[in-house]
Every structure is written in structure tokens, then in C-alpha cells.
Amino acid sequence: MTRLTASTAGHRAVPRVKPVRRPWRLLFAALVLPVLIASLLGGLLRAGVAVPLPAGAAWAGHAVMAHAALMMAGFFGTLIALERAVALKWPPAYAGPVASAGGALLILAGHAEAGRLAMLGAALLFCVASAMILRRQRAAHTALLLVAAVAWAVGSGLQAWRPESAAPLPWWFAFLLLTIAAERLEMTRLTRRHPAALPAFVAIVGTLLAGAAANGVFFGAALVGLALWLFAFDIARHTVRSSGLPRYMAICLLSGYGWLAVGGVTWIAWSLGMPSRDAALHALGLGFVFSMVMGHAPVILPALARVKLRFGPWFYLPLAALHGTLAWRLVAGWGDTASRAQGALGNALAIALFFLTVLGAIAAWRFTSASRS
């Protein structure tokens, strides 16, 4: 087993940031956890899973209608904005994650217009914070972080303007994809980067943004291109041959890149009129994004929350469960609503298993530490 702290990062260099203080941790936990749970329940209901709910739970209907906004802007937007605020050490930056989580809660409470405006305000504050990061450190990856922030703002602006439209979806995905890609671009500096790598990356990002504006074939093609670029140049292709936490992180990353390619192909098919919407959205949102979460959480969480956890092979269980249930959802669920619902339920259980695994790893560290003292 590998003991993991904020300074033990495997193949990812974690900056020494000031952890979030306890009152802030409690506040963000109180804001974010209900958003995540409501988003997961909304996704299950959309997929046809019979979720037992108390009578008169109007928030459930709002969760169904706003599932994408809750998950991508309300949950992931809050977490990423919180990490950016901690790194920036600029107190007003904390207003961004509060606004994004608060906006999600307003939507669940039935105040959709106010919630959408709060989310837009959060995205604009995030743009300011990202611009400040770029000003402090001028580099390709920090410039890309600002581009990702603008993509979030565009998606949230479209949501506020045309709430019933699917137009925000590619912009929100671009926000998450480019945020992750910026971190991976930074990591390529640890290896000898091919001269064509950066120009190819810039071309892919340009195609992705153009495709987000058009919401069509170009967006899917850019997803496939980004997956191929990551397979070719990411440091994970080397660290997967190591052991312990670095190997686990590399497997999470490489498997996520596979789902990114699947998402690109199915997005192209969806754009051409095939019934692959569910496959396109969830290959990206679950297969790619949550694989990144599972890979990076054992490193980011200790740095932000001032906790220590014990890494072990049990971390592979929720990862395998996620991939297995997602494959069932996309393959068996193609045209079969019952199988799709089964896969969706399995996806939610895999995510819940991951969070239980993290809590168990924290408890294991505390128990081992106490027994040694």
C-alpha cells in the first residue's frame, strides 16, 4: 500500500496551495453534496429508473429538466472554481463557487431564472480568476484555462438566454475538456515533446470551439482528435508501466481517453441523425470526466481538504464498475430502454462506491496513524 499525502503526487506535481479552512469546507460540502445527489437522481429519472421519492418532491422534476446544468455547472463548475480560488488566494474568487452551487440549489427550489443568472455570474467570476492566473503565469496551459473559463461563461449565457435549448451542452463540455486538457498539456513538459505536438493541439482546440458554436460534426471530430493527441503525447503512456498510485492514475487517464474517442464518434453519429445522443453525452460525462475525477481525486483532495488517505488496490473497484456499467448502458442500451436504465443505475452506484472508497481510505489512514501512535 502507498501512503498518500498532499506532497506525494505520483506523476502529477501538486502545487503547494493553502488548504481550504474548516468553515469553508463545511460550507462547500453543504452546498455541493445536495447538488451532486440531485443531479444523479435527475439523471436516473431521465433514464427511466424508478427512484422512490417522497410525495410532492417538486425538486425532482427540476432535477430531471436541469440534469446537465446541475452536473456540469453546478457540481463540476463549483469544484473547479473552488480549486482555482484556493490556488489564486484571492478571497473574492470564492464567490464564484458559492454562486454556482447556490444557482444549482435555486434551480432545484424552482427559481430557475435566478439560478441560471447565478450560474452565469459564477462563470464570469471564474473568467476573472482565470485571467489573474494567466497574468501571474504566462504559459500555454494557463491560457487554455482561460479559454475553458470563457467556454463555461458562453454555455451559461446560452442557458440564461435559451433555457430549453441544447446549445449550452457542447460549451459546458468544452469547459470541462479544456480544463482537463490544460493540466495534461502542462504535464507534457516533463517529457521531450514532439515539435508538432503543440501546433496540433492548438488546431484541435480551435476545431473544438468552432464545433461547439455549430454543435455538429466538427465538435465530434475534435473530440476524436483530442483523444488521439492525448494517447500520443500524454505522460500517462509511460507511467502506466509503474506501480501503485502512478499506475492507477495512468489507467484512469488512458481509459478516459478511450471513452473520449467513443464520445467523439457517437457525437458525430448524433449530428448525422443517428439515435446516439445518450451514448455521446455519457461517454463524455461519465466515461471521460469521471475517469479523470477518479484518477485525480486521491491527489487533489488531500491538497484542498487537508486530509490524508491510504491508497490501495480497492480504488480499482469503482473504476471497473464505472466502465463496466457504462459499456452495458451504451451497448445493451442502444435502442433498449430497460438496459439503458440498468446501466444508468449501475453508473450511479459506481460513483457512490467511489466516494465510499475515498471515505474508507481516509478512515484507514486515521486508523493506521492512531494505532502507530
Protein backbone atom coordinates (compact mmCIF):
# COMPACT_ATOMS: atom_id res chain seq x y z
CA MET A 1 0.00 0.00 0.00
CA THR A 2 1.08 3.55 -0.71
CA ARG A 3 0.74 6.31 1.83
CA LEU A 4 -0.58 9.39 0.07
CA THR A 5 -0.34 12.95 1.30
CA ALA A 6 -0.56 16.31 -0.39
CA SER A 7 3.13 16.18 -1.23
CA THR A 8 3.03 12.68 -2.72
CA ALA A 9 1.61 13.15 -6.18
CA GLY A 10 2.66 10.20 -8.28
CA HIS A 11 3.24 11.59 -11.76
CA ARG A 12 1.34 14.82 -11.16
CA ALA A 13 3.07 17.74 -9.50
CA VAL A 14 0.70 19.26 -6.97
CA PRO A 15 1.32 22.92 -6.17
CA ARG A 16 1.70 23.84 -2.53
CA VAL A 17 -1.60 25.60 -2.00
CA LYS A 18 -3.15 26.74 1.23
CA PRO A 19 -5.87 24.18 2.10
CA VAL A 20 -9.47 25.29 2.45
CA ARG A 21 -10.21 26.20 6.07
CA ARG A 22 -12.69 24.11 8.00
CA PRO A 23 -15.66 26.58 7.88
CA TRP A 24 -15.26 26.83 4.11
CA ARG A 25 -15.03 23.04 3.78
CA LEU A 26 -18.28 22.63 5.70
CA LEU A 27 -19.99 25.33 3.65
CA PHE A 28 -18.98 23.85 0.31
CA ALA A 29 -19.87 20.33 1.45
CA ALA A 30 -23.33 21.60 2.43
CA LEU A 31 -23.71 23.25 -0.98
CA VAL A 32 -22.14 20.68 -3.30
CA LEU A 33 -23.36 17.35 -1.93
CA PRO A 34 -27.08 18.10 -2.42
CA VAL A 35 -26.33 19.27 -5.97
CA LEU A 36 -24.47 16.06 -6.79
CA ILE A 37 -27.15 13.84 -5.29
CA ALA A 38 -29.97 15.72 -7.01
CA SER A 39 -28.10 15.62 -10.31
CA LEU A 40 -27.57 11.86 -10.07
CA LEU A 41 -31.23 11.31 -9.17
CA GLY A 42 -32.32 13.53 -12.04
CA GLY A 43 -30.16 11.51 -14.41
CA LEU A 44 -31.64 8.25 -13.13
CA LEU A 45 -35.18 9.53 -13.59
CA ARG A 46 -34.34 10.71 -17.12
CA ALA A 47 -33.03 7.23 -17.91
CA GLY A 48 -36.26 5.61 -16.71
CA VAL A 49 -35.09 4.29 -13.33
CA ALA A 50 -37.94 4.06 -10.82
CA VAL A 51 -36.45 6.05 -7.94
CA PRO A 52 -38.61 6.04 -4.77
CA LEU A 53 -39.23 9.66 -3.81
CA PRO A 54 -41.46 11.27 -1.18
CA ALA A 55 -44.77 12.66 -2.35
CA GLY A 56 -44.67 16.24 -3.51
CA ALA A 57 -40.92 16.27 -4.24
CA ALA A 58 -41.10 19.06 -6.80
CA TRP A 59 -37.31 19.39 -6.82
CA ALA A 60 -37.08 16.02 -8.55
CA GLY A 61 -38.83 17.38 -11.62
CA HIS A 62 -36.47 20.34 -11.66
CA ALA A 63 -33.52 17.94 -11.34
CA VAL A 64 -34.73 15.98 -14.37
CA MET A 65 -35.08 19.09 -16.52
CA ALA A 66 -31.77 20.63 -15.42
CA HIS A 67 -29.66 17.47 -15.10
CA ALA A 68 -26.83 18.70 -17.35
CA ALA A 69 -26.70 22.16 -15.79
CA LEU A 70 -26.65 20.73 -12.28
CA MET A 71 -23.86 18.26 -13.01
CA MET A 72 -21.57 20.28 -15.27
CA ALA A 73 -22.05 23.84 -14.00
CA GLY A 74 -23.44 23.24 -10.51
CA PHE A 75 -21.20 20.36 -9.39
CA PHE A 76 -18.06 20.34 -11.55
CA GLY A 77 -18.10 24.10 -12.01
CA THR A 78 -18.18 24.60 -8.25
CA LEU A 79 -15.32 22.16 -7.60
CA ILE A 80 -13.08 23.57 -10.34
CA ALA A 81 -13.81 27.16 -9.30
CA LEU A 82 -13.01 26.24 -5.70
CA GLU A 83 -9.67 24.74 -6.71
CA ARG A 84 -8.90 27.87 -8.75
CA ALA A 85 -9.82 30.13 -5.82
CA VAL A 86 -7.54 28.17 -3.47
CA ALA A 87 -4.66 28.39 -5.93
CA LEU A 88 -5.23 32.11 -6.52
CA LYS A 89 -5.54 33.04 -2.81
CA TRP A 90 -7.86 35.92 -3.75
CA PRO A 91 -10.87 35.97 -1.35
CA PRO A 92 -13.42 37.36 -3.88
CA ALA A 93 -12.74 34.30 -6.05
CA TYR A 94 -14.63 32.19 -3.51
CA ALA A 95 -17.82 33.99 -4.51
CA GLY A 96 -17.71 32.07 -7.80
CA PRO A 97 -18.13 28.55 -6.42
CA VAL A 98 -20.68 29.82 -3.90
CA ALA A 99 -22.69 31.34 -6.76
CA SER A 100 -22.52 28.24 -8.96
CA ALA A 101 -23.61 25.88 -6.17
CA GLY A 102 -26.19 28.40 -4.97
CA GLY A 103 -27.54 28.75 -8.51
CA ALA A 104 -27.99 24.99 -8.72
CA LEU A 105 -29.90 24.98 -5.43
CA LEU A 106 -32.10 27.83 -6.68
CA ILE A 107 -32.95 25.79 -9.77
CA LEU A 108 -33.87 22.81 -7.59
CA ALA A 109 -36.05 25.08 -5.46
CA GLY A 110 -37.99 26.18 -8.54
CA HIS A 111 -36.33 29.57 -9.03
CA ALA A 112 -34.87 28.64 -12.40
CA GLU A 113 -34.27 32.11 -13.79
CA ALA A 114 -32.46 33.32 -10.67
CA GLY A 115 -30.44 30.09 -10.61
CA ARG A 116 -29.35 30.47 -14.23
CA LEU A 117 -28.28 34.06 -13.62
CA ALA A 118 -26.30 33.00 -10.53
CA MET A 119 -24.53 30.36 -12.61
CA LEU A 120 -23.70 32.93 -15.27
CA GLY A 121 -22.29 35.22 -12.59
CA ALA A 122 -20.18 32.34 -11.27
CA ALA A 123 -18.80 31.68 -14.73
CA LEU A 124 -17.90 35.34 -15.24
CA LEU A 125 -16.12 35.46 -11.86
CA PHE A 126 -14.29 32.32 -12.88
CA CYS A 127 -13.13 34.07 -16.05
CA VAL A 128 -11.68 36.87 -13.92
CA ALA A 129 -9.89 34.39 -11.66
CA SER A 130 -8.52 32.52 -14.68
CA ALA A 131 -7.28 35.76 -16.23
CA MET A 132 -5.46 36.55 -12.99
CA ILE A 133 -3.81 33.11 -13.10
CA LEU A 134 -2.68 33.77 -16.67
CA ARG A 135 -1.30 37.16 -15.68
CA ARG A 136 0.76 35.54 -12.91
CA GLN A 137 2.00 32.68 -15.08
CA ARG A 138 2.04 33.22 -18.83
CA ALA A 139 2.09 29.77 -20.41
CA ALA A 140 0.15 27.74 -22.95
CA HIS A 141 -1.71 25.76 -20.30
CA THR A 142 -2.80 28.82 -18.28
CA ALA A 143 -4.02 30.48 -21.49
CA LEU A 144 -6.05 27.34 -22.18
CA LEU A 145 -7.53 27.51 -18.68
CA LEU A 146 -8.84 30.98 -19.54
CA VAL A 147 -10.30 29.67 -22.81
CA ALA A 148 -12.03 26.91 -20.83
CA ALA A 149 -13.45 29.51 -18.43
CA VAL A 150 -14.83 31.53 -21.34
CA ALA A 151 -16.46 28.35 -22.68
CA TRP A 152 -18.24 27.90 -19.34
CA ALA A 153 -19.42 31.52 -19.49
CA VAL A 154 -20.70 31.11 -23.06
CA GLY A 155 -22.59 27.96 -22.12
CA SER A 156 -24.12 29.60 -19.05
CA GLY A 157 -25.03 32.68 -21.10
CA LEU A 158 -26.82 30.48 -23.62
CA GLN A 159 -28.59 28.71 -20.77
CA ALA A 160 -29.83 32.02 -19.39
CA TRP A 161 -30.92 33.21 -22.83
CA ARG A 162 -32.35 29.98 -24.26
CA PRO A 163 -33.04 27.67 -21.30
CA GLU A 164 -34.82 24.99 -23.35
CA SER A 165 -32.05 24.74 -25.96
CA ALA A 166 -29.29 22.12 -26.20
CA ALA A 167 -26.84 24.83 -27.29
CA PRO A 168 -25.08 25.07 -23.87
CA LEU A 169 -24.10 21.39 -23.87
CA PRO A 170 -21.05 21.50 -26.16
CA TRP A 171 -19.80 24.66 -24.44
CA TRP A 172 -20.07 23.10 -21.00
CA PHE A 173 -18.29 20.01 -22.26
CA ALA A 174 -15.64 22.25 -23.82
CA PHE A 175 -15.16 23.86 -20.40
CA LEU A 176 -14.51 20.50 -18.73
CA LEU A 177 -12.49 19.05 -21.61
CA LEU A 178 -10.20 22.06 -21.97
CA THR A 179 -9.68 22.35 -18.21
CA ILE A 180 -8.51 18.75 -18.12
CA ALA A 181 -6.52 19.11 -21.34
CA ALA A 182 -4.71 22.17 -19.94
CA GLU A 183 -3.49 20.15 -16.98
CA ARG A 184 -2.36 17.34 -19.27
CA LEU A 185 -0.67 19.85 -21.59
CA GLU A 186 1.30 21.16 -18.63
CA MET A 187 2.39 17.62 -17.78
CA THR A 188 3.80 17.03 -21.28
CA ARG A 189 6.59 19.45 -20.35
CA LEU A 190 8.05 16.64 -18.22
CA THR A 191 8.86 14.68 -21.38
CA ARG A 192 10.51 15.58 -24.66
CA ARG A 193 7.56 16.97 -26.60
CA HIS A 194 7.39 16.39 -30.36
CA PRO A 195 7.70 19.67 -32.35
CA ALA A 196 4.31 19.04 -33.96
CA ALA A 197 2.54 18.40 -30.66
CA LEU A 198 1.70 22.00 -29.71
CA PRO A 199 0.57 23.12 -33.21
CA ALA A 200 -1.62 20.03 -33.48
CA PHE A 201 -3.07 20.74 -30.06
CA VAL A 202 -3.89 24.34 -31.00
CA ALA A 203 -5.62 23.14 -34.17
CA ILE A 204 -7.70 20.64 -32.19
CA VAL A 205 -8.75 23.29 -29.67
CA GLY A 206 -9.74 25.65 -32.48
CA THR A 207 -11.82 22.91 -34.11
CA LEU A 208 -13.41 22.08 -30.77
CA LEU A 209 -14.51 25.68 -30.20
CA ALA A 210 -15.80 26.03 -33.76
CA GLY A 211 -17.66 22.76 -33.32
CA ALA A 212 -19.15 23.95 -30.03
CA ALA A 213 -20.54 27.00 -31.81
CA ALA A 214 -22.06 24.84 -34.53
CA ASN A 215 -22.90 21.85 -32.27
CA GLY A 216 -22.23 19.38 -35.03
CA VAL A 217 -19.77 17.05 -36.73
CA PHE A 218 -16.73 19.28 -36.13
CA PHE A 219 -17.20 19.02 -32.37
CA GLY A 220 -17.20 15.23 -32.52
CA ALA A 221 -14.18 15.21 -34.82
CA ALA A 222 -12.29 17.45 -32.39
CA LEU A 223 -13.09 15.04 -29.54
CA VAL A 224 -11.57 12.16 -31.51
CA GLY A 225 -8.58 14.32 -32.38
CA LEU A 226 -8.06 15.30 -28.73
CA ALA A 227 -8.24 11.65 -27.65
CA LEU A 228 -5.61 10.68 -30.24
CA TRP A 229 -3.38 13.59 -29.16
CA LEU A 230 -3.60 12.53 -25.51
CA PHE A 231 -2.85 8.91 -26.36
CA ALA A 232 0.19 10.03 -28.36
CA PHE A 233 1.71 12.66 -26.08
CA ASP A 234 0.40 12.29 -22.52
CA ILE A 235 2.87 11.15 -19.88
CA ALA A 236 0.37 8.50 -18.75
CA ARG A 237 1.56 6.21 -21.55
CA HIS A 238 4.87 5.97 -19.66
CA THR A 239 3.66 5.93 -16.05
CA VAL A 240 1.18 3.11 -16.74
CA ARG A 241 4.23 0.82 -16.59
CA SER A 242 4.96 1.89 -13.00
CA SER A 243 3.13 0.70 -9.87
CA GLY A 244 0.93 1.95 -7.05
CA LEU A 245 -0.77 5.32 -7.34
CA PRO A 246 1.02 6.46 -10.55
CA ARG A 247 -0.14 3.31 -12.36
CA TYR A 248 -3.70 3.73 -11.08
CA MET A 249 -3.80 7.35 -12.22
CA ALA A 250 -2.42 6.38 -15.64
CA ILE A 251 -5.05 3.66 -16.08
CA CYS A 252 -7.79 6.15 -15.17
CA LEU A 253 -6.44 8.63 -17.70
CA LEU A 254 -5.91 6.20 -20.57
CA SER A 255 -9.29 4.54 -20.12
CA GLY A 256 -10.86 8.01 -20.03
CA TYR A 257 -9.18 8.86 -23.33
CA GLY A 258 -10.77 5.77 -24.82
CA TRP A 259 -14.20 7.00 -23.73
CA LEU A 260 -13.36 10.43 -25.12
CA ALA A 261 -12.84 8.84 -28.54
CA VAL A 262 -16.11 6.92 -28.19
CA GLY A 263 -17.84 10.17 -27.27
CA GLY A 264 -16.44 11.83 -30.39
CA VAL A 265 -17.59 9.04 -32.72
CA THR A 266 -21.08 8.91 -31.18
CA TRP A 267 -21.33 12.71 -31.26
CA ILE A 268 -20.64 12.62 -35.00
CA ALA A 269 -23.29 9.92 -35.37
CA TRP A 270 -25.76 12.02 -33.34
CA SER A 271 -25.02 15.03 -35.54
CA LEU A 272 -25.81 12.92 -38.61
CA GLY A 273 -29.20 11.93 -37.24
CA MET A 274 -28.47 8.61 -35.55
CA PRO A 275 -30.04 7.85 -32.12
CA SER A 276 -26.75 8.12 -30.21
CA ARG A 277 -27.43 11.15 -28.02
CA ASP A 278 -27.31 9.22 -24.75
CA ALA A 279 -24.10 7.46 -25.79
CA ALA A 280 -22.40 10.70 -26.85
CA LEU A 281 -23.27 12.64 -23.72
CA HIS A 282 -22.46 9.92 -21.21
CA ALA A 283 -19.33 8.58 -22.88
CA LEU A 284 -18.02 12.10 -22.27
CA GLY A 285 -19.68 12.97 -18.96
CA LEU A 286 -19.26 9.59 -17.27
CA GLY A 287 -16.59 7.72 -19.20
CA PHE A 288 -14.15 10.58 -19.68
CA VAL A 289 -14.86 13.18 -17.00
CA PHE A 290 -15.50 10.79 -14.11
CA SER A 291 -12.45 8.73 -15.05
CA MET A 292 -10.45 11.94 -14.65
CA VAL A 293 -12.14 12.56 -11.30
CA MET A 294 -11.31 9.07 -10.06
CA GLY A 295 -7.72 9.46 -11.20
CA HIS A 296 -7.04 12.89 -9.73
CA ALA A 297 -9.18 12.90 -6.58
CA PRO A 298 -6.63 10.94 -4.48
CA VAL A 299 -4.16 13.77 -5.15
CA ILE A 300 -6.32 16.90 -5.26
CA LEU A 301 -8.49 16.07 -2.24
CA PRO A 302 -5.60 15.94 0.27
CA ALA A 303 -4.25 19.24 -1.07
CA LEU A 304 -7.61 21.03 -0.80
CA ALA A 305 -9.28 19.48 2.22
CA ARG A 306 -6.27 18.87 4.48
CA VAL A 307 -6.97 15.15 4.77
CA LYS A 308 -4.75 12.13 4.25
CA LEU A 309 -5.80 8.86 2.72
CA ARG A 310 -4.31 5.43 2.19
CA PHE A 311 -4.19 4.32 -1.41
CA GLY A 312 -4.71 0.65 -2.17
CA PRO A 313 -5.95 -1.72 -4.90
CA TRP A 314 -9.55 -1.23 -3.77
CA PHE A 315 -9.55 2.04 -5.76
CA TYR A 316 -9.79 -0.08 -8.90
CA LEU A 317 -13.22 -1.45 -7.93
CA PRO A 318 -15.31 1.69 -8.58
CA LEU A 319 -13.28 2.38 -11.74
CA ALA A 320 -14.03 -1.09 -13.11
CA ALA A 321 -17.68 -0.76 -12.06
CA LEU A 322 -17.99 2.57 -13.87
CA HIS A 323 -16.52 1.24 -17.11
CA GLY A 324 -18.49 -1.99 -16.99
CA THR A 325 -21.87 -0.39 -16.33
CA LEU A 326 -21.24 2.36 -18.87
CA ALA A 327 -20.36 -0.22 -21.53
CA TRP A 328 -23.61 -2.03 -20.72
CA ARG A 329 -25.55 1.23 -20.95
CA LEU A 330 -24.10 2.15 -24.33
CA VAL A 331 -24.09 -1.29 -25.97
CA ALA A 332 -27.02 -3.20 -24.49
CA GLY A 333 -28.95 0.04 -24.02
CA TRP A 334 -28.74 1.01 -27.69
CA GLY A 335 -32.44 1.00 -28.51
CA ASP A 336 -33.37 -0.91 -25.33
CA THR A 337 -34.66 1.43 -22.66
CA ALA A 338 -34.65 -1.23 -19.92
CA SER A 339 -30.94 -1.98 -20.41
CA ARG A 340 -30.20 1.72 -20.57
CA ALA A 341 -31.92 2.22 -17.22
CA GLN A 342 -29.96 -0.68 -15.73
CA GLY A 343 -26.72 0.83 -16.97
CA ALA A 344 -27.65 4.25 -15.59
CA LEU A 345 -28.36 2.75 -12.16
CA GLY A 346 -25.02 0.95 -12.31
CA ASN A 347 -23.28 4.23 -13.20
CA ALA A 348 -24.75 5.96 -10.15
CA LEU A 349 -23.80 3.06 -7.88
CA ALA A 350 -20.24 3.10 -9.24
CA ILE A 351 -19.94 6.82 -8.43
CA ALA A 352 -21.34 6.21 -4.94
CA LEU A 353 -18.86 3.35 -4.49
CA PHE A 354 -16.01 5.66 -5.41
CA PHE A 355 -16.98 8.23 -2.79
CA LEU A 356 -17.32 5.46 -0.20
CA THR A 357 -13.88 4.20 -1.22
CA VAL A 358 -12.39 7.64 -0.66
CA LEU A 359 -14.06 7.93 2.74
CA GLY A 360 -12.83 4.46 3.62
CA ALA A 361 -9.28 5.37 2.56
CA ILE A 362 -9.38 8.45 4.81
CA ALA A 363 -10.66 6.34 7.71
CA ALA A 364 -7.96 3.72 7.02
CA TRP A 365 -5.25 6.37 7.20
CA ARG A 366 -6.59 7.72 10.51
CA PHE A 367 -6.92 4.22 12.00
CA THR A 368 -3.38 3.25 10.95
CA SER A 369 -1.98 6.55 12.19
CA ALA A 370 -3.74 6.20 15.55
CA SER A 371 -2.58 2.61 16.00
CA ARG A 372 1.04 3.65 15.45
CA SER A 373 0.92 6.49 17.98
